Amino acid sequence: MRGREPMIERGKYALERGKWAVERGNYAEAVGSLSEAVRANPSYADLRNYLALALHFTGRSQEAVDQFREALAINPRYTEVHVNLALVLSDLGRLDEARACFEQAAEAEGRPRDGRLTRSARAQLANRHAELGEAYAAHGRPTEAIDQYRRALVLEPGYHDIRTRLGRAYLESGRPTLAVSEFGKVLAEKPDHLAALVGLGLAHLRNGDEPQARAVWTRCRELAPDDPAVRLYLQRCSAAEASAPMTGPLPQP
């Protein structure tokens, strides 16, 4: 980054409060704290990056774009900001600008000679898509979440936790058969992946296969005998539920 004055104490505290709020999804609170931090420390790209994320998740995406661009004016090689800006522009439907930002992210990271993204760049892009997917899922938008998780997995198909989130999003959108497929891909490589097993049991139950769901959750209990979600699912997995699949929000394993 370019030369800058040390961050003043008030800005440090505001940054920590803002980051804490962003990580917990309290985006409106984060906007207030991070705006204060930026006013006190206008030359810090990190602050503007976090502020932009908070603005985007409160629906103020154009303001977020402006803050990302301010951050890049301070540090043009800040790969994470290029990636975040690209994702926000993509959400806004400004696809040509988004592609240009992805290209700039690759250049900032250091593109291999064959033109492909570096391993690090792919990982960063995949994680940003996953974070957007989580945000959509938290706001009850499973279809948009599915789109972001699938984009992440195109970049990094071996990210089992993201594939598990995709499976749960398929469940939330009423597509248990697709959920079974995604959980199965995870379990083929990691047979003891507890979250995927729990999700697989839910998918079987919603497909009307109560015995298979019970078998999967019994395996979960062997792996995590004290897990409250597993105990709950086994209690709910009764013969009556075979003819009346569960509905409603999914408890988190």
Protein backbone atom coordinates (compact mmCIF):
# COMPACT_ATOMS: atom_id res chain seq x y z
CA MET A 1 0.00 0.00 0.00
CA ARG A 2 0.99 3.59 -0.38
CA GLY A 3 2.43 5.44 2.58
CA ARG A 4 -0.12 6.37 5.20
CA GLU A 5 -0.32 7.60 8.76
CA PRO A 6 -0.72 5.04 11.57
CA MET A 7 -4.35 4.24 12.29
CA ILE A 8 -5.61 6.30 15.21
CA GLU A 9 -7.00 4.47 18.23
CA ARG A 10 -10.61 5.46 17.58
CA GLY A 11 -10.33 3.97 14.11
CA LYS A 12 -8.89 0.72 15.48
CA TYR A 13 -11.80 0.24 17.84
CA ALA A 14 -14.32 1.09 15.14
CA LEU A 15 -12.64 -1.38 12.78
CA GLU A 16 -12.83 -4.20 15.33
CA ARG A 17 -16.48 -3.45 16.09
CA GLY A 18 -17.26 -3.32 12.39
CA LYS A 19 -15.45 -6.57 11.56
CA TRP A 20 -17.18 -8.29 14.47
CA ALA A 21 -20.55 -7.08 13.22
CA VAL A 22 -19.85 -8.18 9.61
CA GLU A 23 -18.81 -11.66 10.72
CA ARG A 24 -22.08 -12.03 12.64
CA GLY A 25 -24.28 -10.65 9.90
CA ASN A 26 -25.10 -7.40 11.71
CA TYR A 27 -24.48 -5.37 8.59
CA ALA A 28 -26.32 -2.17 9.52
CA GLU A 29 -24.31 -1.94 12.73
CA ALA A 30 -21.15 -2.65 10.76
CA VAL A 31 -21.86 0.21 8.36
CA GLY A 32 -22.01 2.66 11.27
CA SER A 33 -18.78 1.49 12.91
CA LEU A 34 -16.82 1.17 9.69
CA SER A 35 -17.99 4.52 8.35
CA GLU A 36 -16.62 6.07 11.54
CA ALA A 37 -13.34 4.22 11.05
CA VAL A 38 -13.04 5.37 7.42
CA ARG A 39 -13.69 8.99 8.38
CA ALA A 40 -10.88 8.77 10.92
CA ASN A 41 -8.54 6.79 8.63
CA PRO A 42 -9.42 7.50 4.98
CA SER A 43 -6.22 5.98 3.58
CA TYR A 44 -6.76 2.42 4.80
CA ALA A 45 -7.87 0.02 2.08
CA ASP A 46 -8.81 -2.67 4.64
CA LEU A 47 -11.38 -0.38 6.24
CA ARG A 48 -12.96 0.50 2.92
CA ASN A 49 -13.09 -3.16 1.92
CA TYR A 50 -15.02 -4.13 5.07
CA LEU A 51 -17.27 -1.08 4.77
CA ALA A 52 -18.06 -1.99 1.17
CA LEU A 53 -19.04 -5.54 2.16
CA ALA A 54 -21.34 -4.22 4.88
CA LEU A 55 -22.91 -1.72 2.47
CA HIS A 56 -23.53 -4.43 -0.11
CA PHE A 57 -25.29 -6.69 2.38
CA THR A 58 -27.56 -3.83 3.45
CA GLY A 59 -28.65 -3.29 -0.15
CA ARG A 60 -26.42 -0.30 -0.84
CA SER A 61 -24.44 -1.98 -3.59
CA GLN A 62 -23.51 1.10 -5.61
CA GLU A 63 -22.03 2.68 -2.50
CA ALA A 64 -20.17 -0.58 -1.97
CA VAL A 65 -18.74 -0.35 -5.50
CA ASP A 66 -17.55 3.18 -4.75
CA GLN A 67 -15.80 2.05 -1.56
CA PHE A 68 -14.13 -0.90 -3.30
CA ARG A 69 -12.82 1.47 -5.97
CA GLU A 70 -11.52 3.82 -3.29
CA ALA A 71 -9.72 0.87 -1.70
CA LEU A 72 -8.13 -0.03 -5.03
CA ALA A 73 -7.01 3.56 -5.53
CA ILE A 74 -5.06 3.13 -2.28
CA ASN A 75 -3.76 -0.36 -3.12
CA PRO A 76 -4.21 -1.41 -6.78
CA ARG A 77 -2.85 -4.91 -6.09
CA TYR A 78 -5.29 -5.76 -3.29
CA THR A 79 -6.53 -9.06 -4.75
CA GLU A 80 -9.37 -9.58 -2.28
CA VAL A 81 -10.88 -6.19 -3.14
CA HIS A 82 -10.75 -6.96 -6.88
CA VAL A 83 -12.59 -10.22 -6.17
CA ASN A 84 -15.19 -8.63 -3.91
CA LEU A 85 -15.83 -5.85 -6.40
CA ALA A 86 -16.24 -8.39 -9.20
CA LEU A 87 -18.83 -10.34 -7.23
CA VAL A 88 -20.84 -7.23 -6.36
CA LEU A 89 -20.76 -6.03 -9.98
CA SER A 90 -21.92 -9.48 -11.07
CA ASP A 91 -24.84 -9.26 -8.63
CA LEU A 92 -25.71 -5.88 -10.13
CA GLY A 93 -25.76 -7.41 -13.61
CA ARG A 94 -22.70 -5.46 -14.74
CA LEU A 95 -21.05 -8.56 -16.13
CA ASP A 96 -18.46 -6.94 -18.41
CA GLU A 97 -17.13 -4.89 -15.51
CA ALA A 98 -17.19 -7.98 -13.29
CA ARG A 99 -15.13 -9.98 -15.79
CA ALA A 100 -12.60 -7.17 -16.00
CA CYS A 101 -12.29 -7.17 -12.21
CA PHE A 102 -11.76 -10.94 -12.14
CA GLU A 103 -9.00 -10.46 -14.70
CA GLN A 104 -7.43 -7.78 -12.53
CA ALA A 105 -7.66 -10.08 -9.51
CA ALA A 106 -5.74 -12.74 -11.43
CA GLU A 107 -3.11 -10.24 -12.51
CA ALA A 108 -2.72 -8.94 -8.96
CA GLU A 109 -2.32 -12.50 -7.72
CA GLY A 110 0.11 -13.44 -10.49
CA ARG A 111 -1.34 -15.34 -13.44
CA PRO A 112 0.37 -18.51 -14.67
CA ARG A 113 1.78 -18.40 -18.18
CA ASP A 114 -0.98 -20.60 -19.58
CA GLY A 115 -3.57 -17.97 -18.66
CA ARG A 116 -5.35 -19.97 -15.95
CA LEU A 117 -6.13 -18.62 -12.51
CA THR A 118 -3.62 -19.46 -9.81
CA ARG A 119 -4.59 -21.93 -7.08
CA SER A 120 -4.74 -19.08 -4.59
CA ALA A 121 -6.95 -16.96 -6.85
CA ARG A 122 -9.35 -19.87 -7.41
CA ALA A 123 -9.58 -20.44 -3.67
CA GLN A 124 -10.28 -16.76 -2.99
CA LEU A 125 -12.94 -16.59 -5.68
CA ALA A 126 -14.58 -19.80 -4.47
CA ASN A 127 -14.69 -18.56 -0.89
CA ARG A 128 -16.21 -15.24 -1.92
CA HIS A 129 -18.94 -17.03 -3.87
CA ALA A 130 -19.57 -19.24 -0.83
CA GLU A 131 -19.84 -16.22 1.45
CA LEU A 132 -22.41 -14.67 -0.87
CA GLY A 133 -24.25 -17.97 -0.89
CA GLU A 134 -24.37 -17.97 2.89
CA ALA A 135 -25.73 -14.44 2.90
CA TYR A 136 -28.47 -15.36 0.44
CA ALA A 137 -29.33 -18.48 2.43
CA ALA A 138 -29.54 -16.46 5.65
CA HIS A 139 -32.07 -14.15 3.98
CA GLY A 140 -34.25 -17.03 2.80
CA ARG A 141 -33.10 -16.98 -0.83
CA PRO A 142 -31.99 -20.57 -1.48
CA THR A 143 -32.13 -20.28 -5.27
CA GLU A 144 -29.58 -17.45 -5.28
CA ALA A 145 -27.53 -19.33 -2.68
CA ILE A 146 -27.45 -22.39 -4.94
CA ASP A 147 -26.15 -20.29 -7.82
CA GLN A 148 -23.29 -18.92 -5.72
CA TYR A 149 -22.34 -22.32 -4.29
CA ARG A 150 -22.28 -23.87 -7.76
CA ARG A 151 -20.02 -21.08 -9.00
CA ALA A 152 -17.70 -21.76 -6.07
CA LEU A 153 -17.57 -25.45 -6.88
CA VAL A 154 -16.75 -24.84 -10.53
CA LEU A 155 -13.59 -23.18 -9.24
CA GLU A 156 -12.87 -25.63 -6.40
CA PRO A 157 -14.88 -28.87 -6.78
CA GLY A 158 -13.08 -30.44 -3.82
CA TYR A 159 -14.40 -27.98 -1.23
CA HIS A 160 -16.58 -30.42 0.72
CA ASP A 161 -18.03 -27.90 3.14
CA ILE A 162 -19.27 -25.74 0.26
CA ARG A 163 -20.79 -28.78 -1.44
CA THR A 164 -22.53 -29.62 1.83
CA ARG A 165 -23.99 -26.10 1.95
CA LEU A 166 -25.17 -26.62 -1.63
CA GLY A 167 -26.93 -29.80 -0.55
CA ARG A 168 -28.69 -27.97 2.28
CA ALA A 169 -29.73 -25.19 -0.09
CA TYR A 170 -31.28 -27.80 -2.39
CA LEU A 171 -33.20 -29.10 0.62
CA GLU A 172 -34.39 -25.60 1.48
CA SER A 173 -35.58 -25.12 -2.10
CA GLY A 174 -37.56 -28.38 -2.04
CA ARG A 175 -35.23 -30.50 -4.18
CA PRO A 176 -34.19 -33.41 -1.93
CA THR A 177 -33.10 -35.67 -4.80
CA LEU A 178 -30.46 -33.14 -5.87
CA ALA A 179 -29.47 -32.79 -2.22
CA VAL A 180 -28.88 -36.55 -1.98
CA SER A 181 -26.56 -36.31 -4.98
CA GLU A 182 -24.46 -33.50 -3.48
CA PHE A 183 -24.22 -35.08 -0.03
CA GLY A 184 -23.28 -38.36 -1.72
CA LYS A 185 -20.37 -36.71 -3.54
CA VAL A 186 -19.01 -35.44 -0.23
CA LEU A 187 -19.45 -38.79 1.53
CA ALA A 188 -17.80 -40.69 -1.32
CA GLU A 189 -14.56 -38.93 -0.37
CA LYS A 190 -15.20 -38.25 3.32
CA PRO A 191 -17.48 -40.99 4.69
CA ASP A 192 -17.51 -39.52 8.20
CA HIS A 193 -18.39 -35.94 7.22
CA LEU A 194 -21.02 -35.36 9.90
CA ALA A 195 -22.81 -32.37 8.35
CA ALA A 196 -23.17 -34.21 5.03
CA LEU A 197 -24.51 -37.28 6.81
CA VAL A 198 -27.06 -35.24 8.74
CA GLY A 199 -28.16 -33.56 5.53
CA LEU A 200 -28.37 -36.90 3.72
CA GLY A 201 -30.71 -38.19 6.41
CA LEU A 202 -32.95 -35.15 5.95
CA ALA A 203 -32.95 -35.62 2.19
CA HIS A 204 -33.98 -39.27 2.52
CA LEU A 205 -36.77 -38.35 4.92
CA ARG A 206 -38.09 -35.67 2.60
CA ASN A 207 -38.03 -38.23 -0.19
CA GLY A 208 -40.27 -40.41 1.99
CA ASP A 209 -37.59 -42.97 2.87
CA GLU A 210 -37.81 -43.01 6.67
CA PRO A 211 -35.83 -46.27 7.18
CA GLN A 212 -32.89 -44.93 5.16
CA ALA A 213 -32.98 -41.66 7.08
CA ARG A 214 -32.97 -43.54 10.38
CA ALA A 215 -29.99 -45.65 9.22
CA VAL A 216 -28.00 -42.56 8.26
CA TRP A 217 -28.75 -40.78 11.54
CA THR A 218 -27.86 -43.89 13.52
CA ARG A 219 -24.44 -43.65 11.88
CA CYS A 220 -24.34 -39.99 12.88
CA ARG A 221 -25.02 -40.93 16.49
CA GLU A 222 -22.08 -43.35 16.41
CA LEU A 223 -19.82 -40.52 15.21
CA ALA A 224 -21.21 -37.83 17.53
CA PRO A 225 -23.21 -39.39 20.36
CA ASP A 226 -23.66 -36.05 22.14
CA ASP A 227 -24.74 -34.00 19.13
CA PRO A 228 -28.16 -32.50 19.99
CA ALA A 229 -29.23 -32.14 16.34
CA VAL A 230 -28.64 -35.84 15.71
CA ARG A 231 -30.65 -36.79 18.80
CA LEU A 232 -33.47 -34.50 17.65
CA TYR A 233 -33.58 -36.00 14.18
CA LEU A 234 -33.70 -39.55 15.51
CA GLN A 235 -36.55 -38.59 17.82
CA ARG A 236 -38.47 -37.02 14.92
CA CYS A 237 -37.73 -39.91 12.60
CA SER A 238 -40.83 -42.01 13.33
CA ALA A 239 -43.07 -44.19 11.24
CA ALA A 240 -45.65 -41.41 11.06
CA GLU A 241 -43.18 -39.10 9.37
CA ALA A 242 -42.71 -41.56 6.52
CA SER A 243 -46.07 -40.46 5.14
CA ALA A 244 -45.68 -36.81 6.22
CA PRO A 245 -42.23 -35.48 5.28
CA MET A 246 -40.81 -32.77 7.51
CA THR A 247 -41.25 -29.18 6.48
CA GLY A 248 -39.96 -25.91 7.84
CA PRO A 249 -36.45 -24.57 8.48
CA LEU A 250 -33.57 -26.97 8.90
CA PRO A 251 -31.85 -26.98 12.31
CA GLN A 252 -28.11 -26.54 11.93
CA PRO A 253 -26.04 -29.66 12.75
